[in-house]
C-alpha atoms as a PDB file:
ATOM      1  CA  MET A   1     100.698  15.943  -3.975  1.00  0.00           C
ATOM      2  CA  GLN A   2     104.282  14.901  -3.371  1.00  0.00           C
ATOM      3  CA  ASN A   3     107.012  15.689  -5.883  1.00  0.00           C
ATOM      4  CA  ASN A   4     108.860  12.431  -6.664  1.00  0.00           C
ATOM      5  CA  ARG A   5     111.075  13.902  -9.374  1.00  0.00           C
ATOM      6  CA  ARG A   6     114.126  13.433  -7.148  1.00  0.00           C
ATOM      7  CA  PHE A   7     113.717   9.664  -7.179  1.00  0.00           C
ATOM      8  CA  GLU A   8     112.991   9.243 -10.898  1.00  0.00           C
ATOM      9  CA  LYS A   9     116.071   8.540 -12.985  1.00  0.00           C
ATOM     10  CA  GLU A  10     115.953  10.077 -16.450  1.00  0.00           C
ATOM     11  CA  PRO A  11     117.793   8.218 -19.227  1.00  0.00           C
ATOM     12  CA  SER A  12     121.261   9.650 -19.743  1.00  0.00           C
ATOM     13  CA  GLU A  13     123.934   9.232 -22.413  1.00  0.00           C
ATOM     14  CA  PHE A  14     126.547   9.112 -19.642  1.00  0.00           C
ATOM     15  CA  LYS A  15     127.698   6.060 -17.717  1.00  0.00           C
ATOM     16  CA  GLU A  16     128.766   6.376 -14.094  1.00  0.00           C
ATOM     17  CA  ARG A  17     131.622   4.637 -12.287  1.00  0.00           C
ATOM     18  CA  LEU A  18     132.292   4.791  -8.554  1.00  0.00           C
ATOM     19  CA  VAL A  19     136.061   5.016  -7.952  1.00  0.00           C
ATOM     20  CA  SER A  20     136.188   5.276  -4.168  1.00  0.00           C
ATOM     21  CA  ILE A  21     134.103   5.908  -1.065  1.00  0.00           C
ATOM     22  CA  ASN A  22     135.718   7.403   2.007  1.00  0.00           C
ATOM     23  CA  ARG A  23     134.207   7.679   5.483  1.00  0.00           C
ATOM     24  CA  VAL A  24     135.345  10.836   7.240  1.00  0.00           C
ATOM     25  CA  ALA A  25     134.761  11.780  10.864  1.00  0.00           C
ATOM     26  CA  LYS A  26     134.352  15.118  12.571  1.00  0.00           C
ATOM     27  CA  VAL A  27     135.155  14.778  16.251  1.00  0.00           C
ATOM     28  CA  VAL A  28     132.805  16.857  18.396  1.00  0.00           C
ATOM     29  CA  LYS A  29     132.117  17.090  22.115  1.00  0.00           C
ATOM     30  CA  GLY A  30     129.420  14.401  21.946  1.00  0.00           C
ATOM     31  CA  GLY A  31     131.459  11.921  19.877  1.00  0.00           C
ATOM     32  CA  LYS A  32     132.138  11.516  16.177  1.00  0.00           C
ATOM     33  CA  ASN A  33     129.982  12.706  13.287  1.00  0.00           C
ATOM     34  CA  PHE A  34     130.503  10.442  10.264  1.00  0.00           C
ATOM     35  CA  ARG A  35     130.039  11.596   6.679  1.00  0.00           C
ATOM     36  CA  PHE A  36     130.942  10.067   3.321  1.00  0.00           C
ATOM     37  CA  THR A  37     132.776  11.244   0.220  1.00  0.00           C
ATOM     38  CA  ALA A  38     132.299   9.548  -3.147  1.00  0.00           C
ATOM     39  CA  LEU A  39     134.729   9.979  -6.059  1.00  0.00           C
ATOM     40  CA  MET A  40     132.778   9.476  -9.297  1.00  0.00           C
ATOM     41  CA  VAL A  41     133.786   9.275 -12.960  1.00  0.00           C
ATOM     42  CA  VAL A  42     131.159   9.954 -15.631  1.00  0.00           C
ATOM     43  CA  GLY A  43     131.641   9.440 -19.374  1.00  0.00           C
ATOM     44  CA  ASN A  44     129.828   8.730 -22.626  1.00  0.00           C
ATOM     45  CA  GLU A  45     132.480   6.306 -23.984  1.00  0.00           C
ATOM     46  CA  LYS A  46     132.787   8.568 -27.053  1.00  0.00           C
ATOM     47  CA  GLY A  47     135.429  11.017 -25.855  1.00  0.00           C
ATOM     48  CA  LYS A  48     133.737  12.939 -23.028  1.00  0.00           C
ATOM     49  CA  VAL A  49     134.628  12.330 -19.392  1.00  0.00           C
ATOM     50  CA  GLY A  50     134.311  14.138 -16.077  1.00  0.00           C
ATOM     51  CA  VAL A  51     135.326  13.535 -12.490  1.00  0.00           C
ATOM     52  CA  GLY A  52     133.445  14.721  -9.418  1.00  0.00           C
ATOM     53  CA  LEU A  53     133.537  14.486  -5.650  1.00  0.00           C
ATOM     54  CA  GLY A  54     130.309  14.268  -3.654  1.00  0.00           C
ATOM     55  CA  LYS A  55     130.048  14.678   0.113  1.00  0.00           C
ATOM     56  CA  ALA A  56     127.019  13.823   2.250  1.00  0.00           C
ATOM     57  CA  ALA A  57     125.813  12.096   5.400  1.00  0.00           C
ATOM     58  CA  GLU A  58     124.561   9.099   3.370  1.00  0.00           C
ATOM     59  CA  ILE A  59     126.394   7.166   0.635  1.00  0.00           C
ATOM     60  CA  PRO A  60     123.666   7.356  -2.084  1.00  0.00           C
ATOM     61  CA  GLU A  61     123.414  11.122  -1.650  1.00  0.00           C
ATOM     62  CA  ALA A  62     127.217  11.471  -1.862  1.00  0.00           C
ATOM     63  CA  VAL A  63     127.211   9.393  -5.072  1.00  0.00           C
ATOM     64  CA  ARG A  64     124.444  11.552  -6.595  1.00  0.00           C
ATOM     65  CA  LYS A  65     126.326  14.745  -5.730  1.00  0.00           C
ATOM     66  CA  GLY A  66     129.517  13.260  -7.173  1.00  0.00           C
ATOM     67  CA  VAL A  67     127.754  12.498 -10.464  1.00  0.00           C
ATOM     68  CA  GLU A  68     126.355  16.050 -10.634  1.00  0.00           C
ATOM     69  CA  ASP A  69     129.830  17.470  -9.973  1.00  0.00           C
ATOM     70  CA  ALA A  70     131.378  15.220 -12.640  1.00  0.00           C
ATOM     71  CA  LYS A  71     128.819  16.326 -15.245  1.00  0.00           C
ATOM     72  CA  ARG A  72     129.753  19.949 -14.500  1.00  0.00           C
ATOM     73  CA  HIS A  73     133.473  19.263 -15.054  1.00  0.00           C
ATOM     74  CA  MET A  74     133.567  17.424 -18.384  1.00  0.00           C
ATOM     75  CA  VAL A  75     136.563  17.367 -20.737  1.00  0.00           C
ATOM     76  CA  GLU A  76     136.675  16.387 -24.420  1.00  0.00           C
ATOM     77  CA  VAL A  77     139.319  13.784 -25.307  1.00  0.00           C
ATOM     78  CA  PRO A  78     140.445  13.131 -28.904  1.00  0.00           C
ATOM     79  CA  ILE A  79     140.477   9.411 -29.716  1.00  0.00           C
ATOM     80  CA  VAL A  80     142.241   7.959 -32.778  1.00  0.00           C
ATOM     81  CA  GLY A  81     140.631   4.613 -33.573  1.00  0.00           C
ATOM     82  CA  THR A  82     140.657   2.811 -30.235  1.00  0.00           C
ATOM     83  CA  THR A  83     143.647   4.568 -28.640  1.00  0.00           C
ATOM     84  CA  ILE A  84     145.124   8.020 -27.966  1.00  0.00           C
ATOM     85  CA  PRO A  85     146.933  10.120 -30.627  1.00  0.00           C
ATOM     86  CA  HIS A  86     150.287  10.323 -28.795  1.00  0.00           C
ATOM     87  CA  ALA A  87     152.056   9.551 -25.514  1.00  0.00           C
ATOM     88  CA  VAL A  88     151.271  11.930 -22.662  1.00  0.00           C
ATOM     89  CA  GLU A  89     151.930  12.285 -18.946  1.00  0.00           C
ATOM     90  CA  GLY A  90     149.469  13.790 -16.485  1.00  0.00           C
ATOM     91  CA  ARG A  91     150.408  15.156 -13.086  1.00  0.00           C
ATOM     92  CA  PHE A  92     148.319  16.135 -10.104  1.00  0.00           C
ATOM     93  CA  GLY A  93     149.894  16.635  -6.710  1.00  0.00           C
ATOM     94  CA  LYS A  94     152.435  13.829  -6.335  1.00  0.00           C
ATOM     95  CA  GLY A  95     150.491  11.522  -8.645  1.00  0.00           C
ATOM     96  CA  HIS A  96     151.884  10.943 -12.155  1.00  0.00           C
ATOM     97  CA  VAL A  97     150.213   8.851 -14.845  1.00  0.00           C
ATOM     98  CA  ARG A  98     152.054   8.084 -18.105  1.00  0.00           C
ATOM     99  CA  MET A  99     149.801   7.029 -20.988  1.00  0.00           C
ATOM    100  CA  LEU A 100     151.094   5.397 -24.170  1.00  0.00           C
ATOM    101  CA  PRO A 101     149.133   4.542 -27.328  1.00  0.00           C
ATOM    102  CA  ALA A 102     148.764   0.819 -28.000  1.00  0.00           C
ATOM    103  CA  GLU A 103     147.906  -1.373 -30.974  1.00  0.00           C
ATOM    104  CA  GLU A 104     144.392  -2.646 -31.451  1.00  0.00           C
ATOM    105  CA  GLY A 105     143.731  -5.718 -29.329  1.00  0.00           C
ATOM    106  CA  THR A 106     146.047  -4.678 -26.478  1.00  0.00           C
ATOM    107  CA  GLY A 107     143.220  -3.689 -24.141  1.00  0.00           C
ATOM    108  CA  VAL A 108     143.311  -1.216 -21.270  1.00  0.00           C
ATOM    109  CA  ILE A 109     146.460  -1.837 -19.252  1.00  0.00           C
ATOM    110  CA  ALA A 110     145.968   0.464 -16.268  1.00  0.00           C
ATOM    111  CA  GLY A 111     145.551   0.509 -12.501  1.00  0.00           C
ATOM    112  CA  GLY A 112     142.133   0.847 -10.859  1.00  0.00           C
ATOM    113  CA  PRO A 113     141.499   4.613 -10.737  1.00  0.00           C
ATOM    114  CA  ALA A 114     143.130   5.335 -14.124  1.00  0.00           C
ATOM    115  CA  ARG A 115     141.294   2.368 -15.696  1.00  0.00           C
ATOM    116  CA  ALA A 116     137.923   3.787 -14.594  1.00  0.00           C
ATOM    117  CA  VAL A 117     138.639   7.102 -16.348  1.00  0.00           C
ATOM    118  CA  LEU A 118     139.991   5.496 -19.542  1.00  0.00           C
ATOM    119  CA  GLU A 119     137.044   3.105 -19.864  1.00  0.00           C
ATOM    120  CA  MET A 120     134.548   5.953 -19.368  1.00  0.00           C
ATOM    121  CA  VAL A 121     136.302   7.964 -22.121  1.00  0.00           C
ATOM    122  CA  GLY A 122     135.911   5.056 -24.532  1.00  0.00           C
ATOM    123  CA  ILE A 123     139.583   4.201 -25.042  1.00  0.00           C
ATOM    124  CA  ARG A 124     139.922   0.465 -25.753  1.00  0.00           C
ATOM    125  CA  ASP A 125     143.708   0.096 -26.259  1.00  0.00           C
ATOM    126  CA  ILE A 126     146.231   1.918 -24.058  1.00  0.00           C
ATOM    127  CA  ARG A 127     149.194   1.235 -21.786  1.00  0.00           C
ATOM    128  CA  THR A 128     149.595   3.278 -18.610  1.00  0.00           C
ATOM    129  CA  LYS A 129     151.935   3.441 -15.665  1.00  0.00           C
ATOM    130  CA  SER A 130     151.120   5.250 -12.449  1.00  0.00           C
ATOM    131  CA  TYR A 131     153.965   6.782 -10.424  1.00  0.00           C
ATOM    132  CA  GLY A 132     154.128   8.546  -7.069  1.00  0.00           C
ATOM    133  CA  SER A 133     150.931   8.888  -5.079  1.00  0.00           C
ATOM    134  CA  ASN A 134     148.509   5.961  -5.250  1.00  0.00           C
ATOM    135  CA  ASN A 135     145.713   8.072  -3.766  1.00  0.00           C
ATOM    136  CA  PRO A 136     142.661   7.427  -6.024  1.00  0.00           C
ATOM    137  CA  SER A 137     141.771  11.123  -6.172  1.00  0.00           C
ATOM    138  CA  ASN A 138     145.269  12.164  -7.294  1.00  0.00           C
ATOM    139  CA  CYS A 139     145.476   9.286  -9.781  1.00  0.00           C
ATOM    140  CA  VAL A 140     142.101  10.114 -11.372  1.00  0.00           C
ATOM    141  CA  LYS A 141     142.862  13.841 -11.579  1.00  0.00           C
ATOM    142  CA  ALA A 142     146.336  13.166 -13.054  1.00  0.00           C
ATOM    143  CA  THR A 143     144.722  10.932 -15.704  1.00  0.00           C
ATOM    144  CA  ILE A 144     142.153  13.623 -16.577  1.00  0.00           C
ATOM    145  CA  GLU A 145     144.917  16.262 -16.717  1.00  0.00           C
ATOM    146  CA  GLY A 146     146.954  14.096 -19.096  1.00  0.00           C
ATOM    147  CA  LEU A 147     143.971  13.332 -21.335  1.00  0.00           C
ATOM    148  CA  SER A 148     143.109  17.038 -21.563  1.00  0.00           C
ATOM    149  CA  GLN A 149     146.604  17.695 -23.042  1.00  0.00           C
ATOM    150  CA  LEU A 150     145.966  15.373 -26.011  1.00  0.00           C
ATOM    151  CA  ARG A 151     145.815  16.918 -29.497  1.00  0.00           C
ATOM    152  CA  THR A 152     145.243  15.279 -32.877  1.00  0.00           C
ATOM    153  CA  ALA A 153     147.555  15.946 -35.834  1.00  0.00           C
ATOM    154  CA  GLU A 154     144.755  18.007 -37.426  1.00  0.00           C
ATOM    155  CA  GLN A 155     144.459  20.249 -34.343  1.00  0.00           C
ATOM    156  CA  ILE A 156     148.241  20.824 -34.213  1.00  0.00           C
ATOM    157  CA  ALA A 157     148.412  21.547 -37.965  1.00  0.00           C
ATOM    158  CA  LYS A 158     145.570  24.065 -37.735  1.00  0.00           C
ATOM    159  CA  ALA A 159     147.184  25.839 -34.742  1.00  0.00           C
ATOM    160  CA  ARG A 160     150.539  26.108 -36.586  1.00  0.00           C
ATOM    161  CA  GLY A 161     149.015  27.015 -39.945  1.00  0.00           C
ATOM    162  CA  LYS A 162     150.539  23.982 -41.682  1.00  0.00           C
ATOM    163  CA  SER A 163     149.228  20.883 -43.413  1.00  0.00           C
ATOM    164  CA  VAL A 164     148.853  17.534 -41.640  1.00  0.00           C
ATOM    165  CA  GLU A 165     151.538  16.026 -43.928  1.00  0.00           C
ATOM    166  CA  GLU A 166     154.068  18.654 -42.750  1.00  0.00           C
ATOM    167  CA  ILE A 167     153.298  17.838 -39.110  1.00  0.00           C
ATOM    168  CA  LEU A 168     153.517  14.064 -39.530  1.00  0.00           C
ATOM    169  CA  GLY A 169     156.681  14.307 -41.669  1.00  0.00           C
END
């Protein structure tokens, strides 16, 4: 009896978004060996997001590996209403992404790779600007790095041993 578990898709709380596919070539004596890399973003739209890179000879396998990798590298992001608690800048390599909170109804103002991450987190209103490298991998990782720096007023107050009113002024 054949095991078809690999092909069955179990229901998951996470949504998947393909950011980029790249065909890479290894030049060997007999020609070129092509493989694929897939940059995936996975999130539950409630504050959890992860990014992963999958590599394989076939695109579907690379996507599957990317999703597995993303689920292993999840970060928790605090969300205040529909936006972020404060302005933050994420950096990865030469990619910089500045994220600013926005009023309700603004929408997600972001470039492609950053938009994928922010929508998977569940942020509905935010303004972003991407500087430096426009490489999708650097942009996604800079966005994740910036989001992982976010803290709510309650978290800051607890860390400093003060009340929320003292922190907010």
